[in-house]
């Protein structure tokens, strides 16, 4: 007696079984870095910044940062106060000690800076950077190397610790290294628009460049 042929699975069930058997596609290093950086919205933190030349500290400063894309406030408190506001098409730099406000118009052809990448992480998906990831489950270090010489830096390292922004290390073309360490980092804050507006005293010299 002949056995009846086995009943065929419906096509949808077969497709689901095939998909379940396939491994999940891992994110590329740029995609994973973008995912981390997108979590920086509404960020406030303090920072300590050191600039090194030939292994020696040549400049140190402390201050605070606020990020509400597409705007950034970078405030140096010591040793010399300075406030920098970065917004689309415009950078404002206020030096209280000099009673001077410098306004610079920026365009799409401006060289990339670490600040512009923090505010527009999707640019990492362009072919302009090689992104490599090192570290472990708790500490992720992303190393960015521009493929051309038009960038303002030759290497940038962005470190996250347990998903929180920990540090930036920037190597420029003069072989100076800038290390920025972030402290008391909080995200998802409702930052007031006035935080990204400069109100300077009357009589401040305004320089437009």
N, C-alpha and C. Protein backbone atom coordinates (compact mmCIF):
# COMPACT_ATOMS: atom_id res chain seq x y z
N UNK A 1 0.85 -1.18 0.00
CA UNK A 1 0.00 0.00 0.00
C UNK A 1 0.89 1.24 0.00
N UNK A 2 0.62 2.19 -0.93
CA UNK A 2 1.44 3.38 -1.06
C UNK A 2 1.04 4.40 0.00
N UNK A 3 2.07 5.04 0.58
CA UNK A 3 1.80 6.13 1.54
C UNK A 3 1.37 7.38 0.80
N UNK A 4 0.48 8.13 1.41
CA UNK A 4 0.07 9.39 0.83
C UNK A 4 1.21 10.41 0.94
N UNK A 5 1.40 11.25 -0.09
CA UNK A 5 2.44 12.26 0.01
C UNK A 5 2.17 13.19 1.19
N UNK A 6 3.25 13.64 1.84
CA UNK A 6 3.10 14.54 2.99
C UNK A 6 2.44 15.83 2.56
N UNK A 7 1.62 16.37 3.44
CA UNK A 7 0.93 17.62 3.12
C UNK A 7 1.92 18.77 3.07
N UNK A 8 1.86 19.59 2.03
CA UNK A 8 2.78 20.70 1.86
C UNK A 8 2.41 21.84 2.82
N UNK A 9 3.45 22.48 3.37
CA UNK A 9 3.21 23.67 4.18
C UNK A 9 2.72 24.79 3.28
N UNK A 10 1.83 25.63 3.74
CA UNK A 10 1.49 26.84 2.99
C UNK A 10 2.74 27.67 2.78
N UNK A 11 2.78 28.40 1.68
CA UNK A 11 3.98 29.15 1.33
C UNK A 11 4.38 30.15 2.41
N UNK A 12 3.40 30.78 3.04
CA UNK A 12 3.72 31.78 4.06
C UNK A 12 4.46 31.16 5.24
N UNK A 13 4.05 29.94 5.63
CA UNK A 13 4.70 29.27 6.75
C UNK A 13 6.13 28.90 6.38
N UNK A 14 6.32 28.41 5.16
CA UNK A 14 7.66 28.06 4.71
C UNK A 14 8.56 29.28 4.72
N UNK A 15 8.04 30.44 4.25
CA UNK A 15 8.83 31.66 4.23
C UNK A 15 9.22 32.09 5.64
N UNK A 16 8.29 31.97 6.59
CA UNK A 16 8.59 32.35 7.97
C UNK A 16 9.68 31.45 8.55
N UNK A 17 9.63 30.16 8.23
CA UNK A 17 10.65 29.23 8.72
C UNK A 17 12.01 29.57 8.15
N UNK A 18 12.05 29.95 6.88
CA UNK A 18 13.31 30.31 6.25
C UNK A 18 13.90 31.57 6.87
N UNK A 19 13.04 32.57 7.10
CA UNK A 19 13.51 33.81 7.68
C UNK A 19 14.00 33.60 9.11
N UNK A 20 13.32 32.74 9.84
CA UNK A 20 13.72 32.47 11.22
C UNK A 20 15.08 31.80 11.28
N UNK A 21 15.41 31.06 10.23
CA UNK A 21 16.68 30.35 10.21
C UNK A 21 17.85 31.25 9.84
N UNK A 22 17.57 32.46 9.28
CA UNK A 22 18.63 33.36 8.87
C UNK A 22 19.11 34.17 10.07
N UNK A 23 20.44 34.40 10.19
CA UNK A 23 20.94 35.23 11.29
C UNK A 23 20.56 36.69 11.09
N UNK A 24 20.33 37.42 12.19
CA UNK A 24 20.03 38.84 12.09
C UNK A 24 21.26 39.59 11.60
N UNK A 25 21.05 40.52 10.68
CA UNK A 25 22.15 41.28 10.13
C UNK A 25 22.64 42.30 11.15
N UNK A 26 23.93 42.23 11.49
CA UNK A 26 24.50 43.15 12.47
C UNK A 26 24.64 44.54 11.88
N UNK A 27 24.54 45.54 12.75
CA UNK A 27 24.72 46.91 12.31
C UNK A 27 26.18 47.15 11.96
N UNK A 28 26.41 47.99 10.98
CA UNK A 28 27.77 48.41 10.68
C UNK A 28 28.23 49.38 11.76
N UNK A 29 29.54 49.63 11.82
CA UNK A 29 30.07 50.56 12.82
C UNK A 29 29.46 51.95 12.69
N UNK A 30 29.32 52.52 11.46
CA UNK A 30 28.67 53.83 11.37
C UNK A 30 27.22 53.80 11.84
N UNK A 31 26.48 52.75 11.52
CA UNK A 31 25.08 52.67 11.94
C UNK A 31 24.96 52.58 13.45
N UNK A 32 25.87 51.82 14.08
CA UNK A 32 25.81 51.70 15.54
C UNK A 32 26.19 53.03 16.20
N UNK A 33 27.18 53.73 15.63
CA UNK A 33 27.56 55.02 16.18
C UNK A 33 26.41 56.02 16.05
N UNK A 34 25.73 56.02 14.92
CA UNK A 34 24.59 56.91 14.74
C UNK A 34 23.51 56.62 15.78
N UNK A 35 23.27 55.34 16.06
CA UNK A 35 22.26 54.97 17.06
C UNK A 35 22.64 55.54 18.43
N UNK A 36 23.91 55.47 18.79
CA UNK A 36 24.36 56.04 20.06
C UNK A 36 24.19 57.56 20.06
N UNK A 37 24.59 58.20 18.96
CA UNK A 37 24.57 59.65 18.90
C UNK A 37 23.15 60.21 18.83
N UNK A 38 22.23 59.46 18.27
CA UNK A 38 20.84 59.92 18.24
C UNK A 38 20.25 59.95 19.65
N UNK A 39 20.84 59.20 20.57
CA UNK A 39 20.39 59.22 21.96
C UNK A 39 20.91 60.41 22.75
N UNK A 40 21.64 61.32 22.09
CA UNK A 40 22.20 62.48 22.78
C UNK A 40 21.28 63.69 22.75
N UNK A 41 20.08 63.54 22.23
CA UNK A 41 19.17 64.67 22.13
C UNK A 41 18.81 65.20 23.53
N UNK A 42 18.74 66.53 23.63
CA UNK A 42 18.43 67.15 24.92
C UNK A 42 19.50 66.92 25.95
N UNK A 43 20.77 67.00 25.52
CA UNK A 43 21.90 66.67 26.40
C UNK A 43 22.42 67.91 27.11
N UNK A 44 22.78 67.72 28.39
CA UNK A 44 23.51 68.72 29.15
C UNK A 44 24.62 68.01 29.91
N UNK A 45 25.79 68.66 29.99
CA UNK A 45 26.89 68.05 30.72
C UNK A 45 27.94 69.11 31.04
N UNK A 46 28.83 68.76 31.95
CA UNK A 46 30.04 69.53 32.19
C UNK A 46 31.17 68.87 31.41
N UNK A 47 32.25 69.62 31.20
CA UNK A 47 33.37 69.01 30.50
C UNK A 47 34.69 69.55 31.05
N UNK A 48 35.73 68.74 30.85
CA UNK A 48 37.11 69.14 31.09
C UNK A 48 37.88 68.89 29.80
N UNK A 49 38.59 69.91 29.35
CA UNK A 49 39.28 69.80 28.07
C UNK A 49 40.77 70.07 28.24
N UNK A 50 41.59 69.17 27.69
CA UNK A 50 43.04 69.35 27.67
C UNK A 50 43.53 69.28 26.24
N UNK A 51 44.48 70.15 25.91
CA UNK A 51 45.12 70.12 24.60
C UNK A 51 46.58 69.74 24.81
N UNK A 52 47.04 68.73 24.07
CA UNK A 52 48.40 68.21 24.22
C UNK A 52 49.21 68.50 22.96
N UNK A 53 50.49 68.82 23.16
CA UNK A 53 51.45 68.93 22.07
C UNK A 53 52.74 68.27 22.54
N UNK A 54 53.22 67.32 21.77
CA UNK A 54 54.43 66.57 22.14
C UNK A 54 54.29 65.92 23.51
N UNK A 55 53.07 65.48 23.81
CA UNK A 55 52.82 64.78 25.06
C UNK A 55 52.64 65.67 26.27
N UNK A 56 52.73 66.98 26.10
CA UNK A 56 52.60 67.91 27.22
C UNK A 56 51.30 68.71 27.10
N UNK A 57 50.68 69.01 28.24
CA UNK A 57 49.46 69.81 28.24
C UNK A 57 49.83 71.27 27.98
N UNK A 58 49.26 71.84 26.92
CA UNK A 58 49.53 73.24 26.59
C UNK A 58 48.32 74.14 26.86
N UNK A 59 47.17 73.52 27.10
CA UNK A 59 45.97 74.31 27.37
C UNK A 59 44.95 73.45 28.10
N UNK A 60 44.31 74.00 29.11
CA UNK A 60 43.26 73.30 29.86
C UNK A 60 42.09 74.25 30.06
N UNK A 61 40.89 73.69 30.04
CA UNK A 61 39.70 74.50 30.28
C UNK A 61 38.59 73.63 30.83
N UNK A 62 37.63 74.27 31.47
CA UNK A 62 36.45 73.58 31.98
C UNK A 62 35.22 74.39 31.59
N UNK A 63 34.09 73.70 31.52
CA UNK A 63 32.86 74.40 31.17
C UNK A 63 31.68 73.46 31.09
N UNK A 64 30.70 73.85 30.30
CA UNK A 64 29.48 73.06 30.16
C UNK A 64 29.02 73.04 28.71
N UNK A 65 28.21 72.05 28.39
CA UNK A 65 27.71 71.90 27.03
C UNK A 65 26.22 71.60 27.07
N UNK A 66 25.50 72.08 26.06
CA UNK A 66 24.08 71.75 25.89
C UNK A 66 23.85 71.47 24.41
N UNK A 67 23.10 70.41 24.12
CA UNK A 67 22.84 70.01 22.74
C UNK A 67 21.36 69.76 22.54
N UNK A 68 20.76 70.53 21.65
CA UNK A 68 19.38 70.32 21.22
C UNK A 68 19.40 70.47 19.70
N UNK A 69 19.54 69.36 19.02
CA UNK A 69 19.74 69.38 17.57
C UNK A 69 18.65 70.21 16.89
N UNK A 70 19.07 71.10 15.98
CA UNK A 70 20.42 71.25 15.41
C UNK A 70 21.23 72.37 16.04
N UNK A 71 21.11 72.58 17.35
CA UNK A 71 21.83 73.68 18.00
C UNK A 71 22.70 73.14 19.13
N UNK A 72 23.82 73.84 19.32
CA UNK A 72 24.79 73.46 20.34
C UNK A 72 25.26 74.70 21.09
N UNK A 73 25.35 74.59 22.40
CA UNK A 73 25.93 75.66 23.24
C UNK A 73 27.17 75.09 23.92
N UNK A 74 28.29 75.75 23.71
CA UNK A 74 29.56 75.33 24.31
C UNK A 74 30.07 76.51 25.14
N UNK A 75 30.08 76.35 26.45
CA UNK A 75 30.43 77.45 27.35
C UNK A 75 31.67 77.11 28.15
N UNK A 76 32.72 77.89 27.95
CA UNK A 76 33.96 77.75 28.72
C UNK A 76 33.87 78.69 29.92
N UNK A 77 34.10 78.13 31.10
CA UNK A 77 34.04 78.94 32.32
C UNK A 77 35.41 79.38 32.79
N UNK A 78 36.42 78.50 32.64
CA UNK A 78 37.77 78.82 33.08
C UNK A 78 38.77 78.15 32.13
N UNK A 79 39.94 78.75 31.92
CA UNK A 79 40.44 79.95 32.61
C UNK A 79 39.92 81.26 32.02
N UNK A 80 39.44 81.23 30.76
CA UNK A 80 38.93 82.45 30.12
C UNK A 80 37.51 82.18 29.63
N UNK A 81 36.52 82.91 30.13
CA UNK A 81 35.13 82.65 29.75
C UNK A 81 34.89 82.88 28.26
N UNK A 82 34.08 82.02 27.69
CA UNK A 82 33.71 82.14 26.28
C UNK A 82 32.44 81.32 26.05
N UNK A 83 31.56 81.83 25.22
CA UNK A 83 30.33 81.11 24.87
C UNK A 83 30.28 80.97 23.35
N UNK A 84 30.05 79.74 22.90
CA UNK A 84 29.93 79.46 21.47
C UNK A 84 28.54 78.87 21.22
N UNK A 85 27.80 79.46 20.31
CA UNK A 85 26.50 78.94 19.90
C UNK A 85 26.60 78.51 18.44
N UNK A 86 26.34 77.24 18.20
CA UNK A 86 26.37 76.71 16.84
C UNK A 86 24.94 76.41 16.42
N UNK A 87 24.51 76.96 15.31
CA UNK A 87 23.17 76.72 14.77
C UNK A 87 23.29 76.60 13.25
N UNK A 88 22.27 76.12 12.57
CA UNK A 88 22.37 75.95 11.12
C UNK A 88 22.76 77.24 10.41
N UNK A 89 23.87 77.19 9.69
CA UNK A 89 24.33 78.33 8.91
C UNK A 89 25.00 79.44 9.69
N UNK A 90 25.29 79.20 10.98
CA UNK A 90 25.76 80.33 11.80
C UNK A 90 26.51 79.83 13.04
N UNK A 91 27.62 80.49 13.34
CA UNK A 91 28.37 80.25 14.58
C UNK A 91 28.59 81.60 15.26
N UNK A 92 28.24 81.70 16.54
CA UNK A 92 28.43 82.93 17.32
C UNK A 92 29.40 82.64 18.45
N UNK A 93 30.41 83.50 18.59
CA UNK A 93 31.43 83.33 19.62
C UNK A 93 31.50 84.62 20.44
N UNK A 94 31.19 84.51 21.72
CA UNK A 94 31.17 85.68 22.59
C UNK A 94 32.29 85.56 23.61
N UNK A 95 33.17 86.58 23.64
CA UNK A 95 34.27 86.66 24.60
C UNK A 95 33.99 87.81 25.56
N UNK A 96 33.50 87.52 26.77
CA UNK A 96 33.17 88.60 27.71
C UNK A 96 34.37 89.47 28.08
N UNK A 97 35.54 88.86 28.26
CA UNK A 97 36.72 89.63 28.65
C UNK A 97 37.10 90.66 27.60
N UNK A 98 36.81 90.35 26.34
CA UNK A 98 37.15 91.27 25.25
C UNK A 98 35.97 92.13 24.83
N UNK A 99 34.79 91.86 25.44
CA UNK A 99 33.55 92.55 25.03
C UNK A 99 33.38 92.44 23.51
N UNK A 100 33.51 91.20 23.03
CA UNK A 100 33.52 90.99 21.58
C UNK A 100 32.64 89.81 21.20
N UNK A 101 31.83 90.01 20.17
CA UNK A 101 30.98 88.96 19.61
C UNK A 101 31.37 88.76 18.15
N UNK A 102 31.76 87.54 17.81
CA UNK A 102 32.12 87.20 16.44
C UNK A 102 31.02 86.33 15.84
N UNK A 103 30.52 86.74 14.69
CA UNK A 103 29.46 86.00 14.01
C UNK A 103 30.00 85.49 12.68
N UNK A 104 29.96 84.19 12.50
CA UNK A 104 30.47 83.58 11.28
C UNK A 104 29.33 82.86 10.56
N UNK A 105 29.15 83.18 9.30
CA UNK A 105 28.17 82.46 8.50
C UNK A 105 28.83 81.19 7.95
N UNK A 106 28.11 80.09 8.02
CA UNK A 106 28.64 78.82 7.54
C UNK A 106 27.74 78.27 6.44
N UNK A 107 28.32 77.43 5.61
CA UNK A 107 27.56 76.85 4.50
C UNK A 107 27.79 75.36 4.41
N UNK A 108 27.14 74.73 3.44
CA UNK A 108 27.23 73.29 3.29
C UNK A 108 28.62 72.83 2.85
N UNK A 109 29.43 73.78 2.33
CA UNK A 109 30.76 73.43 1.86
C UNK A 109 31.82 73.60 2.94
N UNK A 110 31.40 73.90 4.19
CA UNK A 110 32.35 74.06 5.27
C UNK A 110 32.94 72.70 5.67
N UNK A 111 34.21 72.68 6.09
CA UNK A 111 34.80 71.42 6.56
C UNK A 111 34.05 70.86 7.76
N UNK A 112 34.01 69.54 7.85
CA UNK A 112 33.34 68.90 8.97
C UNK A 112 34.12 69.15 10.26
N UNK A 113 33.39 69.32 11.35
CA UNK A 113 33.98 69.45 12.68
C UNK A 113 33.34 68.39 13.58
N UNK A 114 33.97 68.06 14.72
CA UNK A 114 33.31 67.15 15.65
C UNK A 114 31.93 67.62 16.07
N UNK A 115 31.76 68.94 16.23
CA UNK A 115 30.45 69.47 16.63
C UNK A 115 29.40 69.21 15.56
N UNK A 116 29.76 69.40 14.29
CA UNK A 116 28.79 69.18 13.22
C UNK A 116 28.39 67.72 13.12
N UNK A 117 29.31 66.81 13.45
CA UNK A 117 28.97 65.39 13.43
C UNK A 117 28.06 65.02 14.60
N UNK A 118 28.26 65.65 15.75
CA UNK A 118 27.37 65.40 16.88
C UNK A 118 25.94 65.84 16.57
N UNK A 119 25.82 66.95 15.84
CA UNK A 119 24.49 67.48 15.54
C UNK A 119 23.86 66.82 14.32
N UNK A 120 24.69 66.28 13.43
CA UNK A 120 24.17 65.64 12.21
C UNK A 120 24.86 64.30 12.01
N UNK A 121 24.59 63.32 12.89
CA UNK A 121 25.31 62.05 12.80
C UNK A 121 25.05 61.28 11.52
N UNK A 122 23.96 61.58 10.81
CA UNK A 122 23.68 60.85 9.58
C UNK A 122 24.75 61.07 8.52
N UNK A 123 25.57 62.12 8.69
CA UNK A 123 26.66 62.36 7.74
C UNK A 123 27.70 61.25 7.78
N UNK A 124 27.70 60.47 8.85
CA UNK A 124 28.66 59.37 8.96
C UNK A 124 28.39 58.28 7.93
N UNK A 125 27.20 58.26 7.37
CA UNK A 125 26.88 57.24 6.37
C UNK A 125 27.44 57.60 4.99
N UNK A 126 28.03 58.79 4.87
CA UNK A 126 28.66 59.15 3.60
C UNK A 126 29.96 58.37 3.46
N UNK A 127 30.54 58.46 2.30
CA UNK A 127 31.78 57.73 2.04
C UNK A 127 33.01 58.53 2.47
N UNK A 128 32.80 59.59 3.26
CA UNK A 128 33.91 60.48 3.62
C UNK A 128 34.71 59.97 4.81
N UNK A 129 34.17 58.99 5.56
CA UNK A 129 34.83 58.55 6.78
C UNK A 129 34.95 57.03 6.82
N UNK A 130 36.06 56.61 7.40
CA UNK A 130 36.20 55.21 7.78
C UNK A 130 35.94 55.12 9.27
N UNK A 131 34.99 54.28 9.65
CA UNK A 131 34.59 54.17 11.06
C UNK A 131 34.90 52.76 11.55
N UNK A 132 35.65 52.70 12.65
CA UNK A 132 35.99 51.41 13.25
C UNK A 132 35.57 51.43 14.70
N UNK A 133 35.09 50.29 15.18
CA UNK A 133 34.62 50.18 16.56
C UNK A 133 35.50 49.22 17.33
N UNK A 134 35.90 49.63 18.53
CA UNK A 134 36.66 48.77 19.43
C UNK A 134 36.02 48.89 20.81
N UNK A 135 36.46 48.03 21.73
CA UNK A 135 35.92 48.10 23.08
C UNK A 135 35.17 46.84 23.45
N UNK A 136 34.36 46.94 24.51
CA UNK A 136 33.60 45.80 25.00
C UNK A 136 32.15 46.20 25.19
N UNK A 137 31.40 45.38 25.92
CA UNK A 137 29.97 45.62 26.07
C UNK A 137 29.67 46.92 26.81
N UNK A 138 30.51 47.30 27.78
CA UNK A 138 30.26 48.51 28.56
C UNK A 138 30.86 49.75 27.94
N UNK A 139 32.03 49.62 27.34
CA UNK A 139 32.73 50.78 26.77
C UNK A 139 32.89 50.58 25.27
N UNK A 140 32.34 51.50 24.50
CA UNK A 140 32.44 51.46 23.04
C UNK A 140 33.24 52.66 22.56
N UNK A 141 34.28 52.40 21.81
CA UNK A 141 35.12 53.45 21.25
C UNK A 141 34.98 53.40 19.73
N UNK A 142 34.56 54.53 19.14
CA UNK A 142 34.41 54.63 17.70
C UNK A 142 35.53 55.53 17.16
N UNK A 143 36.31 55.00 16.24
CA UNK A 143 37.43 55.73 15.66
C UNK A 143 37.05 56.17 14.25
N UNK A 144 37.08 57.48 14.02
CA UNK A 144 36.71 58.04 12.73
C UNK A 144 37.95 58.60 12.05
N UNK A 145 38.17 58.18 10.83
CA UNK A 145 39.29 58.67 10.04
C UNK A 145 38.76 59.23 8.73
N UNK A 146 38.93 60.54 8.48
CA UNK A 146 38.48 61.10 7.19
C UNK A 146 39.28 60.49 6.04
N UNK A 147 38.61 60.27 4.93
CA UNK A 147 39.28 59.70 3.76
C UNK A 147 39.95 60.78 2.91
N UNK A 148 39.64 62.04 3.18
CA UNK A 148 40.28 63.14 2.46
C UNK A 148 40.96 64.08 3.43
N UNK A 149 41.60 65.10 2.92
CA UNK A 149 42.35 66.04 3.75
C UNK A 149 41.57 67.33 4.01
N UNK A 150 40.30 67.38 3.59
CA UNK A 150 39.53 68.62 3.77
C UNK A 150 38.95 68.74 5.17
N UNK A 151 38.90 67.66 5.94
CA UNK A 151 38.38 67.71 7.30
C UNK A 151 39.34 68.48 8.19
N UNK A 152 38.83 69.03 9.28
CA UNK A 152 39.65 69.80 10.20
C UNK A 152 40.44 68.91 11.15
N UNK A 153 40.23 67.61 11.10
CA UNK A 153 40.95 66.68 11.97
C UNK A 153 41.37 65.47 11.15
N UNK A 154 42.38 64.78 11.64
CA UNK A 154 42.80 63.56 10.95
C UNK A 154 42.35 62.29 11.66
N UNK A 155 41.92 62.44 12.92
CA UNK A 155 41.31 61.30 13.61
C UNK A 155 40.43 61.80 14.74
N UNK A 156 39.31 61.15 14.91
CA UNK A 156 38.37 61.48 15.99
C UNK A 156 37.93 60.20 16.67
N UNK A 157 38.04 60.17 17.99
CA UNK A 157 37.56 59.03 18.77
C UNK A 157 36.41 59.49 19.66
N UNK A 158 35.29 58.78 19.58
CA UNK A 158 34.12 59.06 20.40
C UNK A 158 33.89 57.86 21.30
N UNK A 159 33.90 58.08 22.60
CA UNK A 159 33.77 56.98 23.55
C UNK A 159 32.45 57.09 24.31
N UNK A 160 31.74 55.97 24.39
CA UNK A 160 30.52 55.85 25.17
C UNK A 160 30.74 54.80 26.26
N UNK A 161 30.29 55.11 27.46
CA UNK A 161 30.35 54.14 28.56
C UNK A 161 28.93 53.82 29.02
N UNK A 162 28.53 52.60 28.82
CA UNK A 162 27.17 52.15 29.14
C UNK A 162 26.13 53.04 28.47
N UNK A 163 26.41 53.40 27.23
CA UNK A 163 25.49 54.19 26.43
C UNK A 163 25.56 55.68 26.65
N UNK A 164 26.41 56.14 27.59
CA UNK A 164 26.52 57.56 27.89
C UNK A 164 27.79 58.13 27.28
N UNK A 165 27.69 59.31 26.68
CA UNK A 165 28.86 59.96 26.09
C UNK A 165 29.91 60.19 27.17
N UNK A 166 31.12 59.68 26.92
CA UNK A 166 32.18 59.76 27.92
C UNK A 166 33.29 60.71 27.52
N UNK A 167 33.74 60.66 26.27
CA UNK A 167 34.86 61.51 25.88
C UNK A 167 34.96 61.65 24.37
N UNK A 168 35.67 62.71 23.97
CA UNK A 168 36.08 62.92 22.58
C UNK A 168 37.59 63.11 22.58
N UNK A 169 38.26 62.50 21.60
CA UNK A 169 39.68 62.74 21.41
C UNK A 169 39.89 63.11 19.95
N UNK A 170 40.52 64.25 19.74
CA UNK A 170 40.67 64.80 18.39
C UNK A 170 42.15 64.98 18.10
N UNK A 171 42.62 64.43 17.00
CA UNK A 171 43.98 64.64 16.54
C UNK A 171 43.93 65.51 15.30
N UNK A 172 44.56 66.71 15.37
CA UNK A 172 44.50 67.61 14.22
C UNK A 172 45.71 67.40 13.32
N UNK A 173 45.78 68.19 12.26
CA UNK A 173 46.84 68.01 11.27
C UNK A 173 48.18 68.57 11.74
N UNK A 174 48.20 69.30 12.86
CA UNK A 174 49.46 69.78 13.45
C UNK A 174 49.94 68.84 14.55
N UNK A 175 49.31 67.66 14.63
CA UNK A 175 49.66 66.63 15.60
C UNK A 175 49.34 67.04 17.03
N UNK A 176 48.49 68.04 17.20
CA UNK A 176 48.00 68.36 18.54
C UNK A 176 46.79 67.48 18.84
N UNK A 177 46.69 67.05 20.07
CA UNK A 177 45.59 66.19 20.49
C UNK A 177 44.74 66.90 21.53
N UNK A 178 43.44 66.93 21.28
CA UNK A 178 42.49 67.53 22.22
C UNK A 178 41.67 66.42 22.85
N UNK A 179 41.63 66.39 24.16
CA UNK A 179 40.85 65.39 24.89
C UNK A 179 39.77 66.11 25.69
N UNK A 180 38.52 65.72 25.46
CA UNK A 180 37.39 66.31 26.16
C UNK A 180 36.67 65.20 26.93
N UNK A 181 36.60 65.35 28.23
CA UNK A 181 35.92 64.37 29.07
C UNK A 181 34.63 64.99 29.62
N UNK A 182 33.54 64.26 29.49
CA UNK A 182 32.23 64.77 29.90
C UNK A 182 31.84 64.19 31.26
N UNK A 183 31.24 65.03 32.08
CA UNK A 183 30.82 64.63 33.42
C UNK A 183 29.38 65.09 33.66
N UNK A 184 28.69 64.37 34.54
CA UNK A 184 27.30 64.71 34.90
C UNK A 184 26.43 64.82 33.65
N UNK A 185 26.54 63.83 32.78
CA UNK A 185 25.80 63.85 31.52
C UNK A 185 24.35 63.44 31.76
N UNK A 186 23.42 64.26 31.28
CA UNK A 186 22.00 63.91 31.31
C UNK A 186 21.44 64.16 29.92
N UNK A 187 20.49 63.34 29.51
CA UNK A 187 19.89 63.46 28.18
C UNK A 187 18.37 63.54 28.30
N UNK A 188 17.74 63.76 27.16
CA UNK A 188 16.28 63.87 27.09
C UNK A 188 15.75 65.00 27.96
N UNK A 189 16.53 66.07 28.06
CA UNK A 189 16.10 67.25 28.81
C UNK A 189 15.32 68.20 27.91
N UNK A 190 14.35 68.87 28.48
CA UNK A 190 13.59 69.88 27.75
C UNK A 190 14.34 71.20 27.88
N UNK A 191 15.22 71.46 26.91
CA UNK A 191 16.08 72.63 26.99
C UNK A 191 15.38 73.85 26.43
N UNK A 192 15.37 74.98 27.16
CA UNK A 192 14.67 76.18 26.69
C UNK A 192 15.40 76.80 25.49
N UNK A 193 14.67 77.34 24.51
CA UNK A 193 15.29 77.97 23.34
C UNK A 193 16.24 79.11 23.72
N UNK A 194 15.97 79.79 24.84
CA UNK A 194 16.83 80.91 25.25
C UNK A 194 18.25 80.46 25.57
N UNK A 195 18.43 79.17 25.86
CA UNK A 195 19.76 78.66 26.15
C UNK A 195 20.66 78.78 24.93
N UNK A 196 20.06 78.83 23.74
CA UNK A 196 20.84 78.87 22.51
C UNK A 196 20.74 80.25 21.84
N UNK A 197 20.45 81.25 22.66
CA UNK A 197 20.40 82.63 22.18
C UNK A 197 21.36 83.46 23.02
N UNK A 198 22.14 84.29 22.34
CA UNK A 198 23.10 85.14 23.03
C UNK A 198 22.51 86.52 23.28
N UNK A 199 22.56 86.96 24.52
CA UNK A 199 22.19 88.33 24.88
C UNK A 199 23.44 89.00 25.41
N UNK A 200 24.05 89.85 24.60
CA UNK A 200 25.33 90.47 24.98
C UNK A 200 25.09 91.89 25.46
N UNK A 201 25.96 92.41 26.33
CA UNK A 201 25.78 93.77 26.85
C UNK A 201 25.88 94.83 25.74
N UNK A 202 25.22 95.93 25.97
CA UNK A 202 25.31 97.05 25.04
C UNK A 202 26.75 97.55 24.99
N UNK A 203 27.19 97.87 23.79
CA UNK A 203 28.57 98.31 23.61
C UNK A 203 29.53 97.21 23.21
N UNK A 204 29.03 95.95 23.13
CA UNK A 204 29.88 94.84 22.68
C UNK A 204 30.24 95.01 21.21
N UNK A 205 31.53 94.85 20.91
CA UNK A 205 31.98 94.91 19.52
C UNK A 205 31.49 93.67 18.79
N UNK A 206 30.86 93.89 17.63
CA UNK A 206 30.35 92.78 16.81
C UNK A 206 31.19 92.69 15.55
N UNK A 207 31.79 91.52 15.36
CA UNK A 207 32.62 91.27 14.18
C UNK A 207 31.95 90.19 13.35
N UNK A 208 31.73 90.48 12.09
CA UNK A 208 31.11 89.51 11.19
C UNK A 208 32.15 89.00 10.20
N UNK A 209 32.19 87.66 10.10
CA UNK A 209 33.19 87.08 9.21
C UNK A 209 32.59 86.05 8.27
